[in-house]
Amino acid sequence: MGSRDLTNWVEHAVQEGLLQPGSPVYELAQRAIREGLDSLSPEQRGVYVTQVVPVLNEVARWQLARQVLVSWRRGSPRLVGAVQDATTRS
């Protein structure tokens, strides 16, 4: 995932109310975007993994669900089948 993707996901998280602009977690996500994960201290990485990553995972799930819905509406159930296969394996 590139920094542009991460920026978009963080902005989606803000739009969905999952992250608050100016909050420490938001600022940590912004720092990771600007400077990379290597710029984070071990403590900051722990916060990133426990608080930022779950939010980004939620955004990714919502985006996947939207893609499936759009695909289904367009009459292309291939993506739906792939998602069903992936979720039954988990």
PDB file of N, CA and C in Angstrom:
ATOM      1  N   MET A   1       0.846  -1.162   0.000  1.00  0.00           N
ATOM      2  CA  MET A   1       0.000   0.000   0.000  1.00  0.00           C
ATOM      3  C   MET A   1       0.898   1.234   0.000  1.00  0.00           C
ATOM      4  N   GLY A   2       0.616   2.154  -0.936  1.00  0.00           N
ATOM      5  CA  GLY A   2       1.378   3.379  -1.022  1.00  0.00           C
ATOM      6  C   GLY A   2       0.842   4.440  -0.076  1.00  0.00           C
ATOM      7  N   SER A   3       1.609   5.523   0.047  1.00  0.00           N
ATOM      8  CA  SER A   3       1.167   6.584   0.960  1.00  0.00           C
ATOM      9  C   SER A   3      -0.118   7.245   0.466  1.00  0.00           C
ATOM     10  N   ARG A   4      -0.326   7.275  -0.853  1.00  0.00           N
ATOM     11  CA  ARG A   4      -1.570   7.851  -1.378  1.00  0.00           C
ATOM     12  C   ARG A   4      -2.768   7.005  -0.942  1.00  0.00           C
ATOM     13  N   ASP A   5      -2.622   5.666  -1.029  1.00  0.00           N
ATOM     14  CA  ASP A   5      -3.695   4.771  -0.576  1.00  0.00           C
ATOM     15  C   ASP A   5      -3.966   4.971   0.908  1.00  0.00           C
ATOM     16  N   LEU A   6      -2.898   5.024   1.684  1.00  0.00           N
ATOM     17  CA  LEU A   6      -3.036   5.195   3.127  1.00  0.00           C
ATOM     18  C   LEU A   6      -3.705   6.532   3.450  1.00  0.00           C
ATOM     19  N   THR A   7      -3.329   7.570   2.720  1.00  0.00           N
ATOM     20  CA  THR A   7      -3.962   8.874   2.908  1.00  0.00           C
ATOM     21  C   THR A   7      -5.459   8.779   2.643  1.00  0.00           C
ATOM     22  N   ASN A   8      -5.822   8.123   1.549  1.00  0.00           N
ATOM     23  CA  ASN A   8      -7.242   7.964   1.215  1.00  0.00           C
ATOM     24  C   ASN A   8      -7.975   7.173   2.293  1.00  0.00           C
ATOM     25  N   TRP A   9      -7.366   6.119   2.793  1.00  0.00           N
ATOM     26  CA  TRP A   9      -8.020   5.290   3.804  1.00  0.00           C
ATOM     27  C   TRP A   9      -8.202   6.070   5.103  1.00  0.00           C
ATOM     28  N   VAL A  10      -7.205   6.861   5.470  1.00  0.00           N
ATOM     29  CA  VAL A  10      -7.325   7.673   6.684  1.00  0.00           C
ATOM     30  C   VAL A  10      -8.438   8.704   6.506  1.00  0.00           C
ATOM     31  N   GLU A  11      -8.514   9.314   5.338  1.00  0.00           N
ATOM     32  CA  GLU A  11      -9.578  10.289   5.089  1.00  0.00           C
ATOM     33  C   GLU A  11     -10.954   9.630   5.108  1.00  0.00           C
ATOM     34  N   HIS A  12     -11.061   8.419   4.565  1.00  0.00           N
ATOM     35  CA  HIS A  12     -12.324   7.670   4.652  1.00  0.00           C
ATOM     36  C   HIS A  12     -12.669   7.383   6.108  1.00  0.00           C
ATOM     37  N   ALA A  13     -11.664   7.052   6.903  1.00  0.00           N
ATOM     38  CA  ALA A  13     -11.895   6.785   8.328  1.00  0.00           C
ATOM     39  C   ALA A  13     -12.419   8.029   9.029  1.00  0.00           C
ATOM     40  N   VAL A  14     -11.912   9.192   8.645  1.00  0.00           N
ATOM     41  CA  VAL A  14     -12.402  10.453   9.217  1.00  0.00           C
ATOM     42  C   VAL A  14     -13.852  10.667   8.791  1.00  0.00           C
ATOM     43  N   GLN A  15     -14.135  10.474   7.511  1.00  0.00           N
ATOM     44  CA  GLN A  15     -15.496  10.664   6.999  1.00  0.00           C
ATOM     45  C   GLN A  15     -16.498   9.738   7.682  1.00  0.00           C
ATOM     46  N   GLU A  16     -16.050   8.537   8.014  1.00  0.00           N
ATOM     47  CA  GLU A  16     -16.928   7.563   8.657  1.00  0.00           C
ATOM     48  C   GLU A  16     -16.985   7.734  10.174  1.00  0.00           C
ATOM     49  N   GLY A  17     -16.215   8.679  10.700  1.00  0.00           N
ATOM     50  CA  GLY A  17     -16.216   8.918  12.135  1.00  0.00           C
ATOM     51  C   GLY A  17     -15.368   7.940  12.930  1.00  0.00           C
ATOM     52  N   LEU A  18     -14.492   7.208  12.238  1.00  0.00           N
ATOM     53  CA  LEU A  18     -13.632   6.232  12.910  1.00  0.00           C
ATOM     54  C   LEU A  18     -12.353   6.864  13.460  1.00  0.00           C
ATOM     55  N   LEU A  19     -11.955   7.990  12.881  1.00  0.00           N
ATOM     56  CA  LEU A  19     -10.802   8.760  13.361  1.00  0.00           C
ATOM     57  C   LEU A  19     -11.224  10.217  13.470  1.00  0.00           C
ATOM     58  N   GLN A  20     -10.694  10.874  14.481  1.00  0.00           N
ATOM     59  CA  GLN A  20     -10.988  12.291  14.689  1.00  0.00           C
ATOM     60  C   GLN A  20      -9.764  13.117  14.307  1.00  0.00           C
ATOM     61  N   PRO A  21      -9.928  14.067  13.373  1.00  0.00           N
ATOM     62  CA  PRO A  21      -8.791  14.933  13.030  1.00  0.00           C
ATOM     63  C   PRO A  21      -8.232  15.616  14.280  1.00  0.00           C
ATOM     64  N   GLY A  22      -6.914  15.623  14.370  1.00  0.00           N
ATOM     65  CA  GLY A  22      -6.265  16.253  15.511  1.00  0.00           C
ATOM     66  C   GLY A  22      -6.048  15.336  16.700  1.00  0.00           C
ATOM     67  N   SER A  23      -6.702  14.173  16.704  1.00  0.00           N
ATOM     68  CA  SER A  23      -6.500  13.237  17.816  1.00  0.00           C
ATOM     69  C   SER A  23      -5.100  12.629  17.726  1.00  0.00           C
ATOM     70  N   PRO A  24      -4.566  12.139  18.843  1.00  0.00           N
ATOM     71  CA  PRO A  24      -3.233  11.528  18.806  1.00  0.00           C
ATOM     72  C   PRO A  24      -3.131  10.364  17.810  1.00  0.00           C
ATOM     73  N   VAL A  25      -4.183   9.572  17.709  1.00  0.00           N
ATOM     74  CA  VAL A  25      -4.157   8.429  16.780  1.00  0.00           C
ATOM     75  C   VAL A  25      -4.135   8.931  15.334  1.00  0.00           C
ATOM     76  N   TYR A  26      -4.936   9.949  15.051  1.00  0.00           N
ATOM     77  CA  TYR A  26      -4.947  10.555  13.708  1.00  0.00           C
ATOM     78  C   TYR A  26      -3.568  11.117  13.378  1.00  0.00           C
ATOM     79  N   GLU A  27      -2.986  11.845  14.322  1.00  0.00           N
ATOM     80  CA  GLU A  27      -1.669  12.439  14.093  1.00  0.00           C
ATOM     81  C   GLU A  27      -0.608  11.364  13.874  1.00  0.00           C
ATOM     82  N   LEU A  28      -0.737  10.261  14.584  1.00  0.00           N
ATOM     83  CA  LEU A  28       0.194   9.148  14.400  1.00  0.00           C
ATOM     84  C   LEU A  28       0.055   8.561  12.992  1.00  0.00           C
ATOM     85  N   ALA A  29      -1.169   8.403  12.529  1.00  0.00           N
ATOM     86  CA  ALA A  29      -1.403   7.907  11.165  1.00  0.00           C
ATOM     87  C   ALA A  29      -0.812   8.885  10.150  1.00  0.00           C
ATOM     88  N   GLN A  30      -0.990  10.174  10.376  1.00  0.00           N
ATOM     89  CA  GLN A  30      -0.439  11.175   9.467  1.00  0.00           C
ATOM     90  C   GLN A  30       1.094  11.132   9.452  1.00  0.00           C
ATOM     91  N   ARG A  31       1.678  10.925  10.613  1.00  0.00           N
ATOM     92  CA  ARG A  31       3.144  10.839  10.662  1.00  0.00           C
ATOM     93  C   ARG A  31       3.635   9.613   9.892  1.00  0.00           C
ATOM     94  N   ALA A  32       2.939   8.494  10.044  1.00  0.00           N
ATOM     95  CA  ALA A  32       3.320   7.283   9.314  1.00  0.00           C
ATOM     96  C   ALA A  32       3.225   7.520   7.810  1.00  0.00           C
ATOM     97  N   ILE A  33       2.228   8.291   7.389  1.00  0.00           N
ATOM     98  CA  ILE A  33       2.092   8.609   5.968  1.00  0.00           C
ATOM     99  C   ILE A  33       3.257   9.488   5.509  1.00  0.00           C
ATOM    100  N   ARG A  34       3.536  10.531   6.254  1.00  0.00           N
ATOM    101  CA  ARG A  34       4.571  11.494   5.862  1.00  0.00           C
ATOM    102  C   ARG A  34       5.978  10.928   5.946  1.00  0.00           C
ATOM    103  N   GLU A  35       6.261  10.223   7.052  1.00  0.00           N
ATOM    104  CA  GLU A  35       7.644   9.855   7.350  1.00  0.00           C
ATOM    105  C   GLU A  35       7.916   8.355   7.305  1.00  0.00           C
ATOM    106  N   GLY A  36       6.873   7.561   7.191  1.00  0.00           N
ATOM    107  CA  GLY A  36       7.050   6.112   7.136  1.00  0.00           C
ATOM    108  C   GLY A  36       7.002   5.479   8.519  1.00  0.00           C
ATOM    109  N   LEU A  37       6.731   4.189   8.529  1.00  0.00           N
ATOM    110  CA  LEU A  37       6.625   3.467   9.799  1.00  0.00           C
ATOM    111  C   LEU A  37       7.944   3.411  10.558  1.00  0.00           C
ATOM    112  N   ASP A  38       9.054   3.453   9.820  1.00  0.00           N
ATOM    113  CA  ASP A  38      10.359   3.411  10.485  1.00  0.00           C
ATOM    114  C   ASP A  38      10.604   4.639  11.353  1.00  0.00           C
ATOM    115  N   SER A  39       9.850   5.708  11.138  1.00  0.00           N
ATOM    116  CA  SER A  39      10.036   6.917  11.944  1.00  0.00           C
ATOM    117  C   SER A  39       9.374   6.799  13.316  1.00  0.00           C
ATOM    118  N   LEU A  40       8.558   5.786  13.513  1.00  0.00           N
ATOM    119  CA  LEU A  40       7.837   5.632  14.780  1.00  0.00           C
ATOM    120  C   LEU A  40       8.695   4.921  15.816  1.00  0.00           C
ATOM    121  N   SER A  41       8.578   5.360  17.048  1.00  0.00           N
ATOM    122  CA  SER A  41       9.263   4.680  18.150  1.00  0.00           C
ATOM    123  C   SER A  41       8.556   3.348  18.405  1.00  0.00           C
ATOM    124  N   PRO A  42       9.186   2.448  19.153  1.00  0.00           N
ATOM    125  CA  PRO A  42       8.516   1.184  19.472  1.00  0.00           C
ATOM    126  C   PRO A  42       7.150   1.391  20.141  1.00  0.00           C
ATOM    127  N   GLU A  43       7.059   2.368  21.028  1.00  0.00           N
ATOM    128  CA  GLU A  43       5.776   2.646  21.689  1.00  0.00           C
ATOM    129  C   GLU A  43       4.742   3.149  20.672  1.00  0.00           C
ATOM    130  N   GLN A  44       5.180   4.035  19.796  1.00  0.00           N
ATOM    131  CA  GLN A  44       4.271   4.549  18.771  1.00  0.00           C
ATOM    132  C   GLN A  44       3.827   3.442  17.810  1.00  0.00           C
ATOM    133  N   ARG A  45       4.743   2.553  17.482  1.00  0.00           N
ATOM    134  CA  ARG A  45       4.371   1.418  16.621  1.00  0.00           C
ATOM    135  C   ARG A  45       3.309   0.555  17.292  1.00  0.00           C
ATOM    136  N   GLY A  46       3.459   0.364  18.590  1.00  0.00           N
ATOM    137  CA  GLY A  46       2.461  -0.412  19.315  1.00  0.00           C
ATOM    138  C   GLY A  46       1.088   0.244  19.234  1.00  0.00           C
ATOM    139  N   VAL A  47       1.059   1.556  19.390  1.00  0.00           N
ATOM    140  CA  VAL A  47      -0.207   2.286  19.266  1.00  0.00           C
ATOM    141  C   VAL A  47      -0.726   2.189  17.842  1.00  0.00           C
ATOM    142  N   TYR A  48       0.156   2.309  16.880  1.00  0.00           N
ATOM    143  CA  TYR A  48      -0.232   2.212  15.470  1.00  0.00           C
ATOM    144  C   TYR A  48      -0.885   0.853  15.194  1.00  0.00           C
ATOM    145  N   VAL A  49      -0.239  -0.198  15.664  1.00  0.00           N
ATOM    146  CA  VAL A  49      -0.752  -1.555  15.419  1.00  0.00           C
ATOM    147  C   VAL A  49      -2.072  -1.793  16.143  1.00  0.00           C
ATOM    148  N   THR A  50      -2.210  -1.288  17.361  1.00  0.00           N
ATOM    149  CA  THR A  50      -3.426  -1.577  18.133  1.00  0.00           C
ATOM    150  C   THR A  50      -4.576  -0.614  17.871  1.00  0.00           C
ATOM    151  N   GLN A  51      -4.268   0.600  17.367  1.00  0.00           N
ATOM    152  CA  GLN A  51      -5.344   1.582  17.198  1.00  0.00           C
ATOM    153  C   GLN A  51      -5.545   2.064  15.765  1.00  0.00           C
ATOM    154  N   VAL A  52      -4.482   2.193  14.994  1.00  0.00           N
ATOM    155  CA  VAL A  52      -4.632   2.665  13.612  1.00  0.00           C
ATOM    156  C   VAL A  52      -4.973   1.509  12.686  1.00  0.00           C
ATOM    157  N   VAL A  53      -4.240   0.416  12.786  1.00  0.00           N
ATOM    158  CA  VAL A  53      -4.459  -0.717  11.881  1.00  0.00           C
ATOM    159  C   VAL A  53      -5.891  -1.249  11.953  1.00  0.00           C
ATOM    160  N   PRO A  54      -6.483  -1.427  13.125  1.00  0.00           N
ATOM    161  CA  PRO A  54      -7.883  -1.883  13.140  1.00  0.00           C
ATOM    162  C   PRO A  54      -8.838  -0.927  12.425  1.00  0.00           C
ATOM    163  N   VAL A  55      -8.593   0.367  12.534  1.00  0.00           N
ATOM    164  CA  VAL A  55      -9.430   1.343  11.832  1.00  0.00           C
ATOM    165  C   VAL A  55      -9.258   1.184  10.324  1.00  0.00           C
ATOM    166  N   LEU A  56      -8.020   1.046   9.879  1.00  0.00           N
ATOM    167  CA  LEU A  56      -7.773   0.869   8.447  1.00  0.00           C
ATOM    168  C   LEU A  56      -8.368  -0.439   7.943  1.00  0.00           C
ATOM    169  N   ASN A  57      -8.328  -1.484   8.768  1.00  0.00           N
ATOM    170  CA  ASN A  57      -8.964  -2.747   8.388  1.00  0.00           C
ATOM    171  C   ASN A  57     -10.469  -2.571   8.216  1.00  0.00           C
ATOM    172  N   GLU A  58     -11.078  -1.795   9.082  1.00  0.00           N
ATOM    173  CA  GLU A  58     -12.517  -1.524   8.979  1.00  0.00           C
ATOM    174  C   GLU A  58     -12.830  -0.789   7.684  1.00  0.00           C
ATOM    175  N   VAL A  59     -12.009   0.201   7.353  1.00  0.00           N
ATOM    176  CA  VAL A  59     -12.194   0.936   6.101  1.00  0.00           C
ATOM    177  C   VAL A  59     -12.040  -0.011   4.911  1.00  0.00           C
ATOM    178  N   ALA A  60     -11.041  -0.881   4.969  1.00  0.00           N
ATOM    179  CA  ALA A  60     -10.828  -1.836   3.874  1.00  0.00           C
ATOM    180  C   ALA A  60     -12.023  -2.770   3.719  1.00  0.00           C
ATOM    181  N   ARG A  61     -12.596  -3.231   4.828  1.00  0.00           N
ATOM    182  CA  ARG A  61     -13.780  -4.104   4.751  1.00  0.00           C
ATOM    183  C   ARG A  61     -14.951  -3.377   4.099  1.00  0.00           C
ATOM    184  N   TRP A  62     -15.159  -2.118   4.485  1.00  0.00           N
ATOM    185  CA  TRP A  62     -16.248  -1.338   3.890  1.00  0.00           C
ATOM    186  C   TRP A  62     -16.015  -1.117   2.402  1.00  0.00           C
ATOM    187  N   GLN A  63     -14.772  -0.836   2.019  1.00  0.00           N
ATOM    188  CA  GLN A  63     -14.478  -0.626   0.597  1.00  0.00           C
ATOM    189  C   GLN A  63     -14.684  -1.905  -0.201  1.00  0.00           C
ATOM    190  N   LEU A  64     -14.284  -3.028   0.363  1.00  0.00           N
ATOM    191  CA  LEU A  64     -14.498  -4.309  -0.314  1.00  0.00           C
ATOM    192  C   LEU A  64     -15.989  -4.593  -0.455  1.00  0.00           C
ATOM    193  N   ALA A  65     -16.744  -4.317   0.602  1.00  0.00           N
ATOM    194  CA  ALA A  65     -18.186  -4.541   0.531  1.00  0.00           C
ATOM    195  C   ALA A  65     -18.817  -3.666  -0.549  1.00  0.00           C
ATOM    196  N   ARG A  66     -18.369  -2.435  -0.657  1.00  0.00           N
ATOM    197  CA  ARG A  66     -18.891  -1.546  -1.707  1.00  0.00           C
ATOM    198  C   ARG A  66     -18.535  -2.078  -3.092  1.00  0.00           C
ATOM    199  N   GLN A  67     -17.314  -2.575  -3.256  1.00  0.00           N
ATOM    200  CA  GLN A  67     -16.890  -3.127  -4.548  1.00  0.00           C
ATOM    201  C   GLN A  67     -17.730  -4.344  -4.918  1.00  0.00           C
ATOM    202  N   VAL A  68     -18.006  -5.186  -3.942  1.00  0.00           N
ATOM    203  CA  VAL A  68     -18.828  -6.367  -4.195  1.00  0.00           C
ATOM    204  C   VAL A  68     -20.223  -5.940  -4.629  1.00  0.00           C
ATOM    205  N   LEU A  69     -20.786  -4.967  -3.939  1.00  0.00           N
ATOM    206  CA  LEU A  69     -22.120  -4.494  -4.276  1.00  0.00           C
ATOM    207  C   LEU A  69     -22.167  -3.918  -5.689  1.00  0.00           C
ATOM    208  N   VAL A  70     -21.193  -3.101  -6.032  1.00  0.00           N
ATOM    209  CA  VAL A  70     -21.137  -2.520  -7.379  1.00  0.00           C
ATOM    210  C   VAL A  70     -20.978  -3.622  -8.412  1.00  0.00           C
ATOM    211  N   SER A  71     -20.105  -4.564  -8.144  1.00  0.00           N
ATOM    212  CA  SER A  71     -19.894  -5.684  -9.066  1.00  0.00           C
ATOM    213  C   SER A  71     -21.174  -6.486  -9.240  1.00  0.00           C
ATOM    214  N   TRP A  72     -21.841  -6.744  -8.148  1.00  0.00           N
ATOM    215  CA  TRP A  72     -23.087  -7.515  -8.197  1.00  0.00           C
ATOM    216  C   TRP A  72     -24.145  -6.777  -9.017  1.00  0.00           C
ATOM    217  N   ARG A  73     -24.248  -5.480  -8.790  1.00  0.00           N
ATOM    218  CA  ARG A  73     -25.237  -4.673  -9.529  1.00  0.00           C
ATOM    219  C   ARG A  73     -24.934  -4.631 -11.017  1.00  0.00           C
ATOM    220  N   ARG A  74     -23.684  -4.742 -11.367  1.00  0.00           N
ATOM    221  CA  ARG A  74     -23.298  -4.733 -12.786  1.00  0.00           C
ATOM    222  C   ARG A  74     -23.429  -6.118 -13.404  1.00  0.00           C
ATOM    223  N   GLY A  75     -23.877  -7.069 -12.625  1.00  0.00           N
ATOM    224  CA  GLY A  75     -24.072  -8.418 -13.146  1.00  0.00           C
ATOM    225  C   GLY A  75     -22.805  -9.238 -13.251  1.00  0.00           C
ATOM    226  N   SER A  76     -21.817  -8.910 -12.448  1.00  0.00           N
ATOM    227  CA  SER A  76     -20.547  -9.630 -12.468  1.00  0.00           C
ATOM    228  C   SER A  76     -20.330 -10.305 -11.119  1.00  0.00           C
ATOM    229  N   PRO A  77     -20.879 -11.506 -10.958  1.00  0.00           N
ATOM    230  CA  PRO A  77     -20.772 -12.172  -9.646  1.00  0.00           C
ATOM    231  C   PRO A  77     -19.416 -12.822  -9.372  1.00  0.00           C
ATOM    232  N   ARG A  78     -18.435 -12.695 -10.277  1.00  0.00           N
ATOM    233  CA  ARG A  78     -17.119 -13.307 -10.029  1.00  0.00           C
ATOM    234  C   ARG A  78     -16.489 -12.814  -8.735  1.00  0.00           C
ATOM    235  N   LEU A  79     -16.535 -11.496  -8.524  1.00  0.00           N
ATOM    236  CA  LEU A  79     -15.952 -10.931  -7.303  1.00  0.00           C
ATOM    237  C   LEU A  79     -16.693 -11.430  -6.078  1.00  0.00           C
ATOM    238  N   VAL A  80     -18.007 -11.528  -6.189  1.00  0.00           N
ATOM    239  CA  VAL A  80     -18.806 -12.026  -5.074  1.00  0.00           C
ATOM    240  C   VAL A  80     -18.381 -13.444  -4.729  1.00  0.00           C
ATOM    241  N   GLY A  81     -18.223 -14.293  -5.722  1.00  0.00           N
ATOM    242  CA  GLY A  81     -17.786 -15.672  -5.488  1.00  0.00           C
ATOM    243  C   GLY A  81     -16.417 -15.739  -4.845  1.00  0.00           C
ATOM    244  N   ALA A  82     -15.505 -14.874  -5.290  1.00  0.00           N
ATOM    245  CA  ALA A  82     -14.147 -14.847  -4.714  1.00  0.00           C
ATOM    246  C   ALA A  82     -14.193 -14.444  -3.257  1.00  0.00           C
ATOM    247  N   VAL A  83     -15.021 -13.467  -2.929  1.00  0.00           N
ATOM    248  CA  VAL A  83     -15.149 -13.026  -1.547  1.00  0.00           C
ATOM    249  C   VAL A  83     -15.762 -14.134  -0.697  1.00  0.00           C
ATOM    250  N   GLN A  84     -16.784 -14.794  -1.220  1.00  0.00           N
ATOM    251  CA  GLN A  84     -17.405 -15.887  -0.474  1.00  0.00           C
ATOM    252  C   GLN A  84     -16.401 -16.996  -0.220  1.00  0.00           C
ATOM    253  N   ASP A  85     -15.589 -17.327  -1.227  1.00  0.00           N
ATOM    254  CA  ASP A  85     -14.557 -18.352  -1.064  1.00  0.00           C
ATOM    255  C   ASP A  85     -13.564 -17.951   0.015  1.00  0.00           C
ATOM    256  N   ALA A  86     -13.146 -16.703  -0.007  1.00  0.00           N
ATOM    257  CA  ALA A  86     -12.145 -16.212   0.956  1.00  0.00           C
ATOM    258  C   ALA A  86     -12.703 -16.211   2.371  1.00  0.00           C
ATOM    259  N   THR A  87     -13.969 -15.851   2.524  1.00  0.00           N
ATOM    260  CA  THR A  87     -14.524 -15.777   3.870  1.00  0.00           C
ATOM    261  C   THR A  87     -14.832 -17.152   4.444  1.00  0.00           C
ATOM    262  N   THR A  88     -15.111 -18.121   3.624  1.00  0.00           N
ATOM    263  CA  THR A  88     -15.377 -19.464   4.140  1.00  0.00           C
ATOM    264  C   THR A  88     -14.088 -20.169   4.535  1.00  0.00           C
ATOM    265  N   ARG A  89     -12.965 -19.731   3.992  1.00  0.00           N
ATOM    266  CA  ARG A  89     -11.674 -20.320   4.356  1.00  0.00           C
ATOM    267  C   ARG A  89     -11.158 -19.797   5.681  1.00  0.00           C
ATOM    268  N   SER A  90     -11.608 -18.618   6.082  1.00  0.00           N
ATOM    269  CA  SER A  90     -11.091 -17.978   7.315  1.00  0.00           C
ATOM    270  C   SER A  90     -11.522 -18.716   8.547  1.00  0.00           C
TER     271      SER A  90
END
